[in-house]
Amino acid sequence: MRYIVTGADGQLGGRVAANMLNEVSGDQLIFTCPDKSRLREERLKIWEEKGVTVREANYDNKEQMIKAFKGGDRLYMVSGVLIGPERVQQHKNVIDAAIAAGVKHITYTSFLGANREGYNQYVLPDHIATEEYLKASGVDYNIMRNNLYLENYLLNSVMMANLDNNRWVTTAGEGKATFIAKDDTGRVATALLLGKGEHNKDYDVTGQLVSQHEICNMIREISGVDYEYITMNEEEYYDYLDSIYIPRTTKGNYSKSPVPWCANDMVTNESGIRDGLMAIETDTVEKLTGKKPTDPKELLEKYSFVWKEKITTYWELGKVQ
């Protein structure tokens, strides 16, 4: 059995890649990334020394992906970074290429709410279309619908507050969400890639229930920084994000933006928290990995550098981590 991990140079794919190296021998693994020349040399060296096959697989290049996926049996497919029709086409390319290459099973990273009524998060149309295409393709699959990532509220929210005189601005109000840690999603993806999920089953992947206000208070207490939690309506929040140069879409100009996310994504996600849509609780993490989801308090020290170093933009992170 050979396993393919797409986006192995990224945050989610990278976690899955690292986990898989602890589960199977390197010669059973194919790691792909969109641009091999941008892969860190030390990482490539470690992988190749362990017997991993490392190939380039750009989601826009179906023929390249067919070659990259050749010899693989099961594939982990991380979602693309764009939002809109381009991403849907990229995902279709991956599915088509995998099937053409002889892949027998695909694990896809989707988003919570893709199968539910009343959800209007900006990213959902892409995931809904991808899920439908995957299910109609005939290949065996598992779908993991991740909730909002916990790290975003320990990094991005704090950075934006640091940028604005410690004002933690949101539309989430007092709503709660089962934010999920990326390490937990990586473990779930690894389990599904290894075949530990049920046949053609979808999984909602959720963490512990907590509000953004509670996270703000946790950080205020441990940091000693007097972060002020401010809730706005959607129109006010859009105006606020405009004022700090966060583009409305993923095609915008990010040269002055403190974060790599778009306003449409941020506003609809946090409004979903306010409205209780992101409070779904499941036992997926424990069932598939044998471990309970990460408690937000466990990650506070790991990301304490954000307030200690007064980081104000995502682009500074590489300088201090």
Foldseek 3Di string as FASTA:
>chain_A
DAEEQEQCQDDLSVLLVVVVVVVDFQLRYEYEYQDPVPRDPVVVVVSVVRPHHYAHDHLVDLVRLLVSLAPHAEYEDEFDDFADPVRLSSLLSNLVSNVSNPHQEYEYEAAPPLPHPPADFRRNVSRVSSVVSNVVVPGKYEYEHEYAALVCLLAVQQLQCLVPVLEREAQQPQFKAQHFHSSLVSLLSNLVRVPVDDINYYHYDGADIDGSVVVSVLLCVVVVRPRHYHHDALVVQVVVQVVQPAAQGQPDDCPRHQENDHSSNRRSSSVCRNVRNRHDDDCSSCVRRVDHTDDSNVCNVVSVCCVVVSNNGPVCVVVPD
